[in-house]
Amino acid sequence: MPEQEHVFLPDVVRYRAGATSPWSHQDIEFVAEVVSKATTYMDYGPKLTAYATLKIPLYLVVDPSTARCHLYSAPEGGDYARRLTAAFGEVIRPSDNPLGLTLKTDKFPRD
């Protein structure tokens, strides 16, 4: 049986200004995933590794079951060098990430 490839369909993707193709990982600045019971393993495992390997600058995991979000940045060697965890209700400030995004988490979904 041939090895299966994973196809990831992120919940949110932000492309660089001037991106020419939605299929080019080099044009992706930010990916966000909302964790569900069915996707927990993929969101914290293979997707985390794949996005870091592809050098996606920011990966946000929103986890309603723990009421926390995790922002991964500075991809290197198939992992992220920086990890920030914020409880729902906290604000992730521009100084916390290389894109300068402000993320308000007070309205993130909770289980």
PDB file of N, CA and C in Angstrom:
ATOM      1  N   MET A   1       0.842  -1.173   0.000  1.00  0.00           N
ATOM      2  CA  MET A   1       0.000   0.000   0.000  1.00  0.00           C
ATOM      3  C   MET A   1       0.893   1.244   0.000  1.00  0.00           C
ATOM      4  N   PRO A   2       0.647   2.213  -0.887  1.00  0.00           N
ATOM      5  CA  PRO A   2       1.478   3.415  -0.930  1.00  0.00           C
ATOM      6  C   PRO A   2       1.263   4.263   0.322  1.00  0.00           C
ATOM      7  N   GLU A   3       2.310   4.998   0.693  1.00  0.00           N
ATOM      8  CA  GLU A   3       2.222   5.876   1.858  1.00  0.00           C
ATOM      9  C   GLU A   3       1.236   7.009   1.583  1.00  0.00           C
ATOM     10  N   GLN A   4       0.365   7.267   2.550  1.00  0.00           N
ATOM     11  CA  GLN A   4      -0.612   8.343   2.389  1.00  0.00           C
ATOM     12  C   GLN A   4       0.026   9.673   2.746  1.00  0.00           C
ATOM     13  N   GLU A   5      -0.335  10.697   2.008  1.00  0.00           N
ATOM     14  CA  GLU A   5       0.090  12.042   2.330  1.00  0.00           C
ATOM     15  C   GLU A   5      -1.043  12.728   3.064  1.00  0.00           C
ATOM     16  N   HIS A   6      -0.689  13.573   4.013  1.00  0.00           N
ATOM     17  CA  HIS A   6      -1.702  14.343   4.729  1.00  0.00           C
ATOM     18  C   HIS A   6      -2.037  15.590   3.926  1.00  0.00           C
ATOM     19  N   VAL A   7      -3.306  15.881   3.845  1.00  0.00           N
ATOM     20  CA  VAL A   7      -3.762  17.128   3.249  1.00  0.00           C
ATOM     21  C   VAL A   7      -4.374  17.928   4.384  1.00  0.00           C
ATOM     22  N   PHE A   8      -3.836  19.099   4.652  1.00  0.00           N
ATOM     23  CA  PHE A   8      -4.331  19.929   5.735  1.00  0.00           C
ATOM     24  C   PHE A   8      -5.207  21.035   5.176  1.00  0.00           C
ATOM     25  N   LEU A   9      -6.337  21.236   5.798  1.00  0.00           N
ATOM     26  CA  LEU A   9      -7.253  22.316   5.442  1.00  0.00           C
ATOM     27  C   LEU A   9      -7.416  23.188   6.678  1.00  0.00           C
ATOM     28  N   PRO A  10      -6.556  24.183   6.848  1.00  0.00           N
ATOM     29  CA  PRO A  10      -6.593  25.006   8.055  1.00  0.00           C
ATOM     30  C   PRO A  10      -7.915  25.763   8.197  1.00  0.00           C
ATOM     31  N   ASP A  11      -8.254  26.082   9.449  1.00  0.00           N
ATOM     32  CA  ASP A  11      -9.464  26.859   9.705  1.00  0.00           C
ATOM     33  C   ASP A  11      -9.304  28.303   9.238  1.00  0.00           C
ATOM     34  N   VAL A  12      -8.112  28.868   9.424  1.00  0.00           N
ATOM     35  CA  VAL A  12      -7.829  30.248   9.002  1.00  0.00           C
ATOM     36  C   VAL A  12      -6.428  30.285   8.404  1.00  0.00           C
ATOM     37  N   VAL A  13      -6.286  31.001   7.292  1.00  0.00           N
ATOM     38  CA  VAL A  13      -4.976  31.208   6.668  1.00  0.00           C
ATOM     39  C   VAL A  13      -4.862  32.677   6.288  1.00  0.00           C
ATOM     40  N   ARG A  14      -3.715  33.270   6.565  1.00  0.00           N
ATOM     41  CA  ARG A  14      -3.442  34.639   6.111  1.00  0.00           C
ATOM     42  C   ARG A  14      -2.245  34.565   5.170  1.00  0.00           C
ATOM     43  N   TYR A  15      -2.430  35.157   3.990  1.00  0.00           N
ATOM     44  CA  TYR A  15      -1.370  35.167   2.979  1.00  0.00           C
ATOM     45  C   TYR A  15      -0.629  36.496   2.995  1.00  0.00           C
ATOM     46  N   ARG A  16       0.609  36.481   2.556  1.00  0.00           N
ATOM     47  CA  ARG A  16       1.398  37.704   2.419  1.00  0.00           C
ATOM     48  C   ARG A  16       0.755  38.620   1.387  1.00  0.00           C
ATOM     49  N   ALA A  17       0.942  39.914   1.575  1.00  0.00           N
ATOM     50  CA  ALA A  17       0.489  40.882   0.575  1.00  0.00           C
ATOM     51  C   ALA A  17       1.191  40.556  -0.738  1.00  0.00           C
ATOM     52  N   GLY A  18       0.440  40.554  -1.818  1.00  0.00           N
ATOM     53  CA  GLY A  18       1.008  40.257  -3.124  1.00  0.00           C
ATOM     54  C   GLY A  18       1.148  38.780  -3.426  1.00  0.00           C
ATOM     55  N   ALA A  19       0.585  37.926  -2.590  1.00  0.00           N
ATOM     56  CA  ALA A  19       0.655  36.478  -2.842  1.00  0.00           C
ATOM     57  C   ALA A  19       0.018  36.169  -4.187  1.00  0.00           C
ATOM     58  N   THR A  20       0.654  35.302  -4.935  1.00  0.00           N
ATOM     59  CA  THR A  20       0.175  35.003  -6.284  1.00  0.00           C
ATOM     60  C   THR A  20      -0.613  33.708  -6.384  1.00  0.00           C
ATOM     61  N   SER A  21      -0.490  32.850  -5.378  1.00  0.00           N
ATOM     62  CA  SER A  21      -1.182  31.569  -5.444  1.00  0.00           C
ATOM     63  C   SER A  21      -1.577  31.102  -4.045  1.00  0.00           C
ATOM     64  N   PRO A  22      -2.832  30.671  -3.868  1.00  0.00           N
ATOM     65  CA  PRO A  22      -3.225  30.148  -2.558  1.00  0.00           C
ATOM     66  C   PRO A  22      -2.620  28.769  -2.275  1.00  0.00           C
ATOM     67  N   TRP A  23      -1.910  28.215  -3.227  1.00  0.00           N
ATOM     68  CA  TRP A  23      -1.345  26.874  -3.066  1.00  0.00           C
ATOM     69  C   TRP A  23       0.138  26.896  -2.734  1.00  0.00           C
ATOM     70  N   SER A  24       0.715  28.083  -2.604  1.00  0.00           N
ATOM     71  CA  SER A  24       2.142  28.194  -2.323  1.00  0.00           C
ATOM     72  C   SER A  24       2.368  28.437  -0.825  1.00  0.00           C
ATOM     73  N   HIS A  25       2.981  27.473  -0.143  1.00  0.00           N
ATOM     74  CA  HIS A  25       3.198  27.638   1.298  1.00  0.00           C
ATOM     75  C   HIS A  25       4.146  28.789   1.611  1.00  0.00           C
ATOM     76  N   GLN A  26       4.972  29.191   0.645  1.00  0.00           N
ATOM     77  CA  GLN A  26       5.885  30.308   0.865  1.00  0.00           C
ATOM     78  C   GLN A  26       5.128  31.624   1.059  1.00  0.00           C
ATOM     79  N   ASP A  27       3.882  31.693   0.600  1.00  0.00           N
ATOM     80  CA  ASP A  27       3.085  32.914   0.720  1.00  0.00           C
ATOM     81  C   ASP A  27       2.235  32.956   1.986  1.00  0.00           C
ATOM     82  N   ILE A  28       2.286  31.921   2.807  1.00  0.00           N
ATOM     83  CA  ILE A  28       1.462  31.878   4.020  1.00  0.00           C
ATOM     84  C   ILE A  28       2.215  32.526   5.181  1.00  0.00           C
ATOM     85  N   GLU A  29       1.547  33.481   5.843  1.00  0.00           N
ATOM     86  CA  GLU A  29       2.122  34.146   7.013  1.00  0.00           C
ATOM     87  C   GLU A  29       1.621  33.552   8.329  1.00  0.00           C
ATOM     88  N   PHE A  30       0.395  33.049   8.308  1.00  0.00           N
ATOM     89  CA  PHE A  30      -0.282  32.710   9.560  1.00  0.00           C
ATOM     90  C   PHE A  30      -1.297  31.610   9.299  1.00  0.00           C
ATOM     91  N   VAL A  31      -1.325  30.623  10.183  1.00  0.00           N
ATOM     92  CA  VAL A  31      -2.334  29.560  10.132  1.00  0.00           C
ATOM     93  C   VAL A  31      -2.940  29.450  11.523  1.00  0.00           C
ATOM     94  N   ALA A  32      -4.268  29.276  11.580  1.00  0.00           N
ATOM     95  CA  ALA A  32      -4.947  29.057  12.860  1.00  0.00           C
ATOM     96  C   ALA A  32      -5.824  27.821  12.758  1.00  0.00           C
ATOM     97  N   GLU A  33      -5.832  27.054  13.831  1.00  0.00           N
ATOM     98  CA  GLU A  33      -6.677  25.866  13.932  1.00  0.00           C
ATOM     99  C   GLU A  33      -7.473  25.942  15.228  1.00  0.00           C
ATOM    100  N   VAL A  34      -8.763  25.608  15.161  1.00  0.00           N
ATOM    101  CA  VAL A  34      -9.598  25.474  16.350  1.00  0.00           C
ATOM    102  C   VAL A  34      -9.694  23.983  16.641  1.00  0.00           C
ATOM    103  N   VAL A  35      -9.220  23.591  17.811  1.00  0.00           N
ATOM    104  CA  VAL A  35      -9.147  22.183  18.193  1.00  0.00           C
ATOM    105  C   VAL A  35     -10.535  21.648  18.521  1.00  0.00           C
ATOM    106  N   SER A  36     -10.798  20.442  18.043  1.00  0.00           N
ATOM    107  CA  SER A  36     -11.996  19.704  18.452  1.00  0.00           C
ATOM    108  C   SER A  36     -11.520  18.354  18.972  1.00  0.00           C
ATOM    109  N   LYS A  37     -12.407  17.595  19.565  1.00  0.00           N
ATOM    110  CA  LYS A  37     -12.015  16.272  20.061  1.00  0.00           C
ATOM    111  C   LYS A  37     -11.444  15.415  18.936  1.00  0.00           C
ATOM    112  N   ALA A  38     -12.001  15.573  17.743  1.00  0.00           N
ATOM    113  CA  ALA A  38     -11.564  14.762  16.604  1.00  0.00           C
ATOM    114  C   ALA A  38     -10.229  15.220  16.017  1.00  0.00           C
ATOM    115  N   THR A  39      -9.829  16.477  16.262  1.00  0.00           N
ATOM    116  CA  THR A  39      -8.615  17.003  15.623  1.00  0.00           C
ATOM    117  C   THR A  39      -7.464  17.271  16.585  1.00  0.00           C
ATOM    118  N   THR A  40      -7.636  16.988  17.859  1.00  0.00           N
ATOM    119  CA  THR A  40      -6.605  17.310  18.858  1.00  0.00           C
ATOM    120  C   THR A  40      -5.236  16.761  18.463  1.00  0.00           C
ATOM    121  N   TYR A  41      -5.169  15.481  18.143  1.00  0.00           N
ATOM    122  CA  TYR A  41      -3.888  14.869  17.796  1.00  0.00           C
ATOM    123  C   TYR A  41      -3.248  15.570  16.593  1.00  0.00           C
ATOM    124  N   MET A  42      -4.021  15.797  15.544  1.00  0.00           N
ATOM    125  CA  MET A  42      -3.477  16.407  14.321  1.00  0.00           C
ATOM    126  C   MET A  42      -3.012  17.846  14.565  1.00  0.00           C
ATOM    127  N   ASP A  43      -3.817  18.621  15.309  1.00  0.00           N
ATOM    128  CA  ASP A  43      -3.501  20.037  15.512  1.00  0.00           C
ATOM    129  C   ASP A  43      -2.239  20.243  16.350  1.00  0.00           C
ATOM    130  N   TYR A  44      -2.027  19.380  17.344  1.00  0.00           N
ATOM    131  CA  TYR A  44      -0.845  19.501  18.206  1.00  0.00           C
ATOM    132  C   TYR A  44       0.322  18.632  17.748  1.00  0.00           C
ATOM    133  N   GLY A  45       0.106  17.754  16.780  1.00  0.00           N
ATOM    134  CA  GLY A  45       1.152  16.837  16.338  1.00  0.00           C
ATOM    135  C   GLY A  45       1.590  17.096  14.911  1.00  0.00           C
ATOM    136  N   PRO A  46       1.044  16.328  13.951  1.00  0.00           N
ATOM    137  CA  PRO A  46       1.492  16.437  12.563  1.00  0.00           C
ATOM    138  C   PRO A  46       1.376  17.840  11.953  1.00  0.00           C
ATOM    139  N   LYS A  47       0.309  18.570  12.276  1.00  0.00           N
ATOM    140  CA  LYS A  47       0.179  19.921  11.706  1.00  0.00           C
ATOM    141  C   LYS A  47       1.246  20.852  12.271  1.00  0.00           C
ATOM    142  N   LEU A  48       1.493  20.777  13.560  1.00  0.00           N
ATOM    143  CA  LEU A  48       2.528  21.603  14.180  1.00  0.00           C
ATOM    144  C   LEU A  48       3.877  21.351  13.517  1.00  0.00           C
ATOM    145  N   THR A  49       4.222  20.099  13.340  1.00  0.00           N
ATOM    146  CA  THR A  49       5.494  19.739  12.704  1.00  0.00           C
ATOM    147  C   THR A  49       5.530  20.174  11.245  1.00  0.00           C
ATOM    148  N   ALA A  50       4.443  19.934  10.517  1.00  0.00           N
ATOM    149  CA  ALA A  50       4.402  20.289   9.093  1.00  0.00           C
ATOM    150  C   ALA A  50       4.514  21.795   8.891  1.00  0.00           C
ATOM    151  N   TYR A  51       3.766  22.572   9.657  1.00  0.00           N
ATOM    152  CA  TYR A  51       3.809  24.029   9.491  1.00  0.00           C
ATOM    153  C   TYR A  51       5.189  24.581   9.847  1.00  0.00           C
ATOM    154  N   ALA A  52       5.822  24.023  10.877  1.00  0.00           N
ATOM    155  CA  ALA A  52       7.176  24.459  11.229  1.00  0.00           C
ATOM    156  C   ALA A  52       8.169  24.079  10.137  1.00  0.00           C
ATOM    157  N   THR A  53       8.038  22.871   9.607  1.00  0.00           N
ATOM    158  CA  THR A  53       8.920  22.415   8.530  1.00  0.00           C
ATOM    159  C   THR A  53       8.783  23.297   7.295  1.00  0.00           C
ATOM    160  N   LEU A  54       7.544  23.730   7.007  1.00  0.00           N
ATOM    161  CA  LEU A  54       7.292  24.614   5.863  1.00  0.00           C
ATOM    162  C   LEU A  54       7.641  26.070   6.162  1.00  0.00           C
ATOM    163  N   LYS A  55       8.070  26.332   7.401  1.00  0.00           N
ATOM    164  CA  LYS A  55       8.467  27.669   7.845  1.00  0.00           C
ATOM    165  C   LYS A  55       7.315  28.677   7.812  1.00  0.00           C
ATOM    166  N   ILE A  56       6.111  28.211   8.177  1.00  0.00           N
ATOM    167  CA  ILE A  56       4.980  29.121   8.344  1.00  0.00           C
ATOM    168  C   ILE A  56       5.307  29.965   9.581  1.00  0.00           C
ATOM    169  N   PRO A  57       5.402  31.304   9.456  1.00  0.00           N
ATOM    170  CA  PRO A  57       5.879  32.131  10.568  1.00  0.00           C
ATOM    171  C   PRO A  57       5.075  32.026  11.860  1.00  0.00           C
ATOM    172  N   LEU A  58       3.751  31.935  11.755  1.00  0.00           N
ATOM    173  CA  LEU A  58       2.907  31.865  12.952  1.00  0.00           C
ATOM    174  C   LEU A  58       1.887  30.751  12.826  1.00  0.00           C
ATOM    175  N   TYR A  59       1.733  29.997  13.902  1.00  0.00           N
ATOM    176  CA  TYR A  59       0.714  28.950  13.974  1.00  0.00           C
ATOM    177  C   TYR A  59      -0.029  29.134  15.291  1.00  0.00           C
ATOM    178  N   LEU A  60      -1.325  29.388  15.201  1.00  0.00           N
ATOM    179  CA  LEU A  60      -2.161  29.586  16.379  1.00  0.00           C
ATOM    180  C   LEU A  60      -3.078  28.387  16.552  1.00  0.00           C
ATOM    181  N   VAL A  61      -3.063  27.806  17.747  1.00  0.00           N
ATOM    182  CA  VAL A  61      -3.963  26.711  18.087  1.00  0.00           C
ATOM    183  C   VAL A  61      -4.922  27.235  19.156  1.00  0.00           C
ATOM    184  N   VAL A  62      -6.203  27.241  18.827  1.00  0.00           N
ATOM    185  CA  VAL A  62      -7.244  27.676  19.758  1.00  0.00           C
ATOM    186  C   VAL A  62      -7.896  26.417  20.312  1.00  0.00           C
ATOM    187  N   ASP A  63      -7.830  26.240  21.625  1.00  0.00           N
ATOM    188  CA  ASP A  63      -8.304  25.002  22.245  1.00  0.00           C
ATOM    189  C   ASP A  63      -9.469  25.280  23.202  1.00  0.00           C
ATOM    190  N   PRO A  64     -10.719  25.133  22.729  1.00  0.00           N
ATOM    191  CA  PRO A  64     -11.884  25.393  23.571  1.00  0.00           C
ATOM    192  C   PRO A  64     -11.971  24.486  24.796  1.00  0.00           C
ATOM    193  N   SER A  65     -11.410  23.294  24.738  1.00  0.00           N
ATOM    194  CA  SER A  65     -11.515  22.370  25.873  1.00  0.00           C
ATOM    195  C   SER A  65     -10.657  22.810  27.060  1.00  0.00           C
ATOM    196  N   THR A  66      -9.598  23.572  26.805  1.00  0.00           N
ATOM    197  CA  THR A  66      -8.740  24.069  27.885  1.00  0.00           C
ATOM    198  C   THR A  66      -8.883  25.574  28.088  1.00  0.00           C
ATOM    199  N   ALA A  67      -9.671  26.232  27.217  1.00  0.00           N
ATOM    200  CA  ALA A  67      -9.849  27.693  27.243  1.00  0.00           C
ATOM    201  C   ALA A  67      -8.498  28.405  27.154  1.00  0.00           C
ATOM    202  N   ARG A  68      -7.642  27.871  26.288  1.00  0.00           N
ATOM    203  CA  ARG A  68      -6.321  28.465  26.056  1.00  0.00           C
ATOM    204  C   ARG A  68      -6.015  28.467  24.561  1.00  0.00           C
ATOM    205  N   CYS A  69      -5.154  29.395  24.185  1.00  0.00           N
ATOM    206  CA  CYS A  69      -4.635  29.359  22.824  1.00  0.00           C
ATOM    207  C   CYS A  69      -3.115  29.337  22.918  1.00  0.00           C
ATOM    208  N   HIS A  70      -2.522  28.761  21.903  1.00  0.00           N
ATOM    209  CA  HIS A  70      -1.072  28.592  21.856  1.00  0.00           C
ATOM    210  C   HIS A  70      -0.586  29.205  20.549  1.00  0.00           C
ATOM    211  N   LEU A  71       0.338  30.149  20.653  1.00  0.00           N
ATOM    212  CA  LEU A  71       0.898  30.799  19.480  1.00  0.00           C
ATOM    213  C   LEU A  71       2.337  30.332  19.321  1.00  0.00           C
ATOM    214  N   TYR A  72       2.608  29.698  18.189  1.00  0.00           N
ATOM    215  CA  TYR A  72       3.931  29.182  17.879  1.00  0.00           C
ATOM    216  C   TYR A  72       4.562  30.092  16.830  1.00  0.00           C
ATOM    217  N   SER A  73       5.846  30.452  17.036  1.00  0.00           N
ATOM    218  CA  SER A  73       6.540  31.308  16.069  1.00  0.00           C
ATOM    219  C   SER A  73       8.015  30.924  16.013  1.00  0.00           C
ATOM    220  N   ALA A  74       8.726  31.544  15.100  1.00  0.00           N
ATOM    221  CA  ALA A  74      10.155  31.291  14.875  1.00  0.00           C
ATOM    222  C   ALA A  74      10.418  29.832  14.497  1.00  0.00           C
ATOM    223  N   PRO A  75       9.888  29.398  13.326  1.00  0.00           N
ATOM    224  CA  PRO A  75      10.105  28.009  12.909  1.00  0.00           C
ATOM    225  C   PRO A  75      11.565  27.733  12.563  1.00  0.00           C
ATOM    226  N   GLU A  76      12.053  26.598  13.069  1.00  0.00           N
ATOM    227  CA  GLU A  76      13.412  26.165  12.714  1.00  0.00           C
ATOM    228  C   GLU A  76      13.552  24.675  12.988  1.00  0.00           C
ATOM    229  N   GLY A  77      14.116  23.974  12.053  1.00  0.00           N
ATOM    230  CA  GLY A  77      14.390  22.552  12.222  1.00  0.00           C
ATOM    231  C   GLY A  77      13.168  21.687  12.456  1.00  0.00           C
ATOM    232  N   GLY A  78      12.040  22.032  11.853  1.00  0.00           N
ATOM    233  CA  GLY A  78      10.835  21.222  11.994  1.00  0.00           C
ATOM    234  C   GLY A  78      10.082  21.436  13.293  1.00  0.00           C
ATOM    235  N   ASP A  79      10.419  22.517  14.017  1.00  0.00           N
ATOM    236  CA  ASP A  79       9.717  22.853  15.256  1.00  0.00           C
ATOM    237  C   ASP A  79       9.668  24.374  15.370  1.00  0.00           C
ATOM    238  N   TYR A  80       8.939  24.856  16.356  1.00  0.00           N
ATOM    239  CA  TYR A  80       8.875  26.294  16.606  1.00  0.00           C
ATOM    240  C   TYR A  80       9.716  26.621  17.834  1.00  0.00           C
ATOM    241  N   ALA A  81      10.581  27.630  17.713  1.00  0.00           N
ATOM    242  CA  ALA A  81      11.472  28.017  18.807  1.00  0.00           C
ATOM    243  C   ALA A  81      10.736  28.809  19.889  1.00  0.00           C
ATOM    244  N   ARG A  82       9.684  29.528  19.500  1.00  0.00           N
ATOM    245  CA  ARG A  82       8.930  30.332  20.477  1.00  0.00           C
ATOM    246  C   ARG A  82       7.515  29.793  20.611  1.00  0.00           C
ATOM    247  N   ARG A  83       7.057  29.709  21.868  1.00  0.00           N
ATOM    248  CA  ARG A  83       5.694  29.254  22.157  1.00  0.00           C
ATOM    249  C   ARG A  83       5.121  30.164  23.225  1.00  0.00           C
ATOM    250  N   LEU A  84       3.936  30.668  22.962  1.00  0.00           N
ATOM    251  CA  LEU A  84       3.245  31.533  23.909  1.00  0.00           C
ATOM    252  C   LEU A  84       1.879  30.930  24.184  1.00  0.00           C
ATOM    253  N   THR A  85       1.521  30.792  25.444  1.00  0.00           N
ATOM    254  CA  THR A  85       0.203  30.291  25.816  1.00  0.00           C
ATOM    255  C   THR A  85      -0.555  31.415  26.497  1.00  0.00           C
ATOM    256  N   ALA A  86      -1.811  31.603  26.085  1.00  0.00           N
ATOM    257  CA  ALA A  86      -2.660  32.639  26.672  1.00  0.00           C
ATOM    258  C   ALA A  86      -4.014  32.041  27.011  1.00  0.00           C
ATOM    259  N   ALA A  87      -4.512  32.377  28.184  1.00  0.00           N
ATOM    260  CA  ALA A  87      -5.856  31.958  28.567  1.00  0.00           C
ATOM    261  C   ALA A  87      -6.865  32.796  27.788  1.00  0.00           C
ATOM    262  N   PHE A  88      -8.016  32.206  27.489  1.00  0.00           N
ATOM    263  CA  PHE A  88      -9.065  32.974  26.828  1.00  0.00           C
ATOM    264  C   PHE A  88      -9.382  34.186  27.702  1.00  0.00           C
ATOM    265  N   GLY A  89      -9.497  35.334  27.076  1.00  0.00           N
ATOM    266  CA  GLY A  89      -9.715  36.587  27.791  1.00  0.00           C
ATOM    267  C   GLY A  89      -8.476  37.460  27.764  1.00  0.00           C
ATOM    268  N   GLU A  90      -7.301  36.856  27.590  1.00  0.00           N
ATOM    269  CA  GLU A  90      -6.063  37.628  27.492  1.00  0.00           C
ATOM    270  C   GLU A  90      -5.892  38.130  26.057  1.00  0.00           C
ATOM    271  N   VAL A  91      -5.097  39.164  25.909  1.00  0.00           N
ATOM    272  CA  VAL A  91      -4.801  39.722  24.590  1.00  0.00           C
ATOM    273  C   VAL A  91      -3.369  39.359  24.227  1.00  0.00           C
ATOM    274  N   ILE A  92      -3.193  38.827  23.032  1.00  0.00           N
ATOM    275  CA  ILE A  92      -1.848  38.584  22.508  1.00  0.00           C
ATOM    276  C   ILE A  92      -1.448  39.860  21.777  1.00  0.00           C
ATOM    277  N   ARG A  93      -0.393  40.468  22.223  1.00  0.00           N
ATOM    278  CA  ARG A  93       0.019  41.789  21.741  1.00  0.00           C
ATOM    279  C   ARG A  93       1.002  41.684  20.567  1.00  0.00           C
ATOM    280  N   PRO A  94       1.120  42.774  19.804  1.00  0.00           N
ATOM    281  CA  PRO A  94       2.047  42.773  18.664  1.00  0.00           C
ATOM    282  C   PRO A  94       3.473  42.389  19.038  1.00  0.00           C
ATOM    283  N   SER A  95       3.904  42.730  20.236  1.00  0.00           N
ATOM    284  CA  SER A  95       5.272  42.386  20.646  1.00  0.00           C
ATOM    285  C   SER A  95       5.455  40.885  20.849  1.00  0.00           C
ATOM    286  N   ASP A  96       4.341  40.147  20.911  1.00  0.00           N
ATOM    287  CA  ASP A  96       4.400  38.699  21.117  1.00  0.00           C
ATOM    288  C   ASP A  96       4.603  37.912  19.828  1.00  0.00           C
ATOM    289  N   ASN A  97       4.561  38.572  18.673  1.00  0.00           N
ATOM    290  CA  ASN A  97       4.645  37.834  17.414  1.00  0.00           C
ATOM    291  C   ASN A  97       5.279  38.685  16.327  1.00  0.00           C
ATOM    292  N   PRO A  98       5.950  38.060  15.366  1.00  0.00           N
ATOM    293  CA  PRO A  98       6.686  38.800  14.340  1.00  0.00           C
ATOM    294  C   PRO A  98       5.817  39.549  13.333  1.00  0.00           C
ATOM    295  N   LEU A  99       4.527  39.231  13.241  1.00  0.00           N
ATOM    296  CA  LEU A  99       3.656  39.938  12.299  1.00  0.00           C
ATOM    297  C   LEU A  99       3.008  41.160  12.926  1.00  0.00           C
ATOM    298  N   GLY A 100       3.191  41.334  14.223  1.00  0.00           N
ATOM    299  CA  GLY A 100       2.610  42.483  14.895  1.00  0.00           C
ATOM    300  C   GLY A 100       1.101  42.415  15.025  1.00  0.00           C
ATOM    301  N   LEU A 101       0.540  41.207  15.060  1.00  0.00           N
ATOM    302  CA  LEU A 101      -0.909  41.042  15.171  1.00  0.00           C
ATOM    303  C   LEU A 101      -1.358  41.227  16.614  1.00  0.00           C
ATOM    304  N   THR A 102      -2.523  41.849  16.778  1.00  0.00           N
ATOM    305  CA  THR A 102      -3.184  41.888  18.073  1.00  0.00           C
ATOM    306  C   THR A 102      -4.319  40.878  18.009  1.00  0.00           C
ATOM    307  N   LEU A 103      -4.310  39.914  18.920  1.00  0.00           N
ATOM    308  CA  LEU A 103      -5.344  38.883  18.945  1.00  0.00           C
ATOM    309  C   LEU A 103      -6.104  38.976  20.256  1.00  0.00           C
ATOM    310  N   LYS A 104      -7.376  39.331  20.163  1.00  0.00           N
ATOM    311  CA  LYS A 104      -8.237  39.377  21.341  1.00  0.00           C
ATOM    312  C   LYS A 104      -8.895  38.011  21.478  1.00  0.00           C
ATOM    313  N   THR A 105      -8.750  37.399  22.629  1.00  0.00           N
ATOM    314  CA  THR A 105      -9.214  36.023  22.811  1.00  0.00           C
ATOM    315  C   THR A 105     -10.476  35.915  23.659  1.00  0.00           C
ATOM    316  N   ASP A 106     -11.052  37.039  24.051  1.00  0.00           N
ATOM    317  CA  ASP A 106     -12.205  36.999  24.957  1.00  0.00           C
ATOM    318  C   ASP A 106     -13.443  36.364  24.334  1.00  0.00           C
ATOM    319  N   LYS A 107     -13.530  36.337  23.015  1.00  0.00           N
ATOM    320  CA  LYS A 107     -14.706  35.751  22.360  1.00  0.00           C
ATOM    321  C   LYS A 107     -14.416  34.402  21.712  1.00  0.00           C
ATOM    322  N   PHE A 108     -13.264  33.832  22.027  1.00  0.00           N
ATOM    323  CA  PHE A 108     -12.956  32.512  21.493  1.00  0.00           C
ATOM    324  C   PHE A 108     -13.945  31.501  22.064  1.00  0.00           C
ATOM    325  N   PRO A 109     -14.312  30.481  21.281  1.00  0.00           N
ATOM    326  CA  PRO A 109     -15.314  29.504  21.732  1.00  0.00           C
ATOM    327  C   PRO A 109     -14.794  28.629  22.870  1.00  0.00           C
ATOM    328  N   ARG A 110     -15.684  28.273  23.770  1.00  0.00           N
ATOM    329  CA  ARG A 110     -15.329  27.394  24.896  1.00  0.00           C
ATOM    330  C   ARG A 110     -16.207  26.161  24.866  1.00  0.00           C
ATOM    331  N   ASP A 111     -15.644  25.047  25.296  1.00  0.00           N
ATOM    332  CA  ASP A 111     -16.437  23.812  25.431  1.00  0.00           C
ATOM    333  C   ASP A 111     -17.138  23.814  26.766  1.00  0.00           C
TER     334      ASP A 111
END
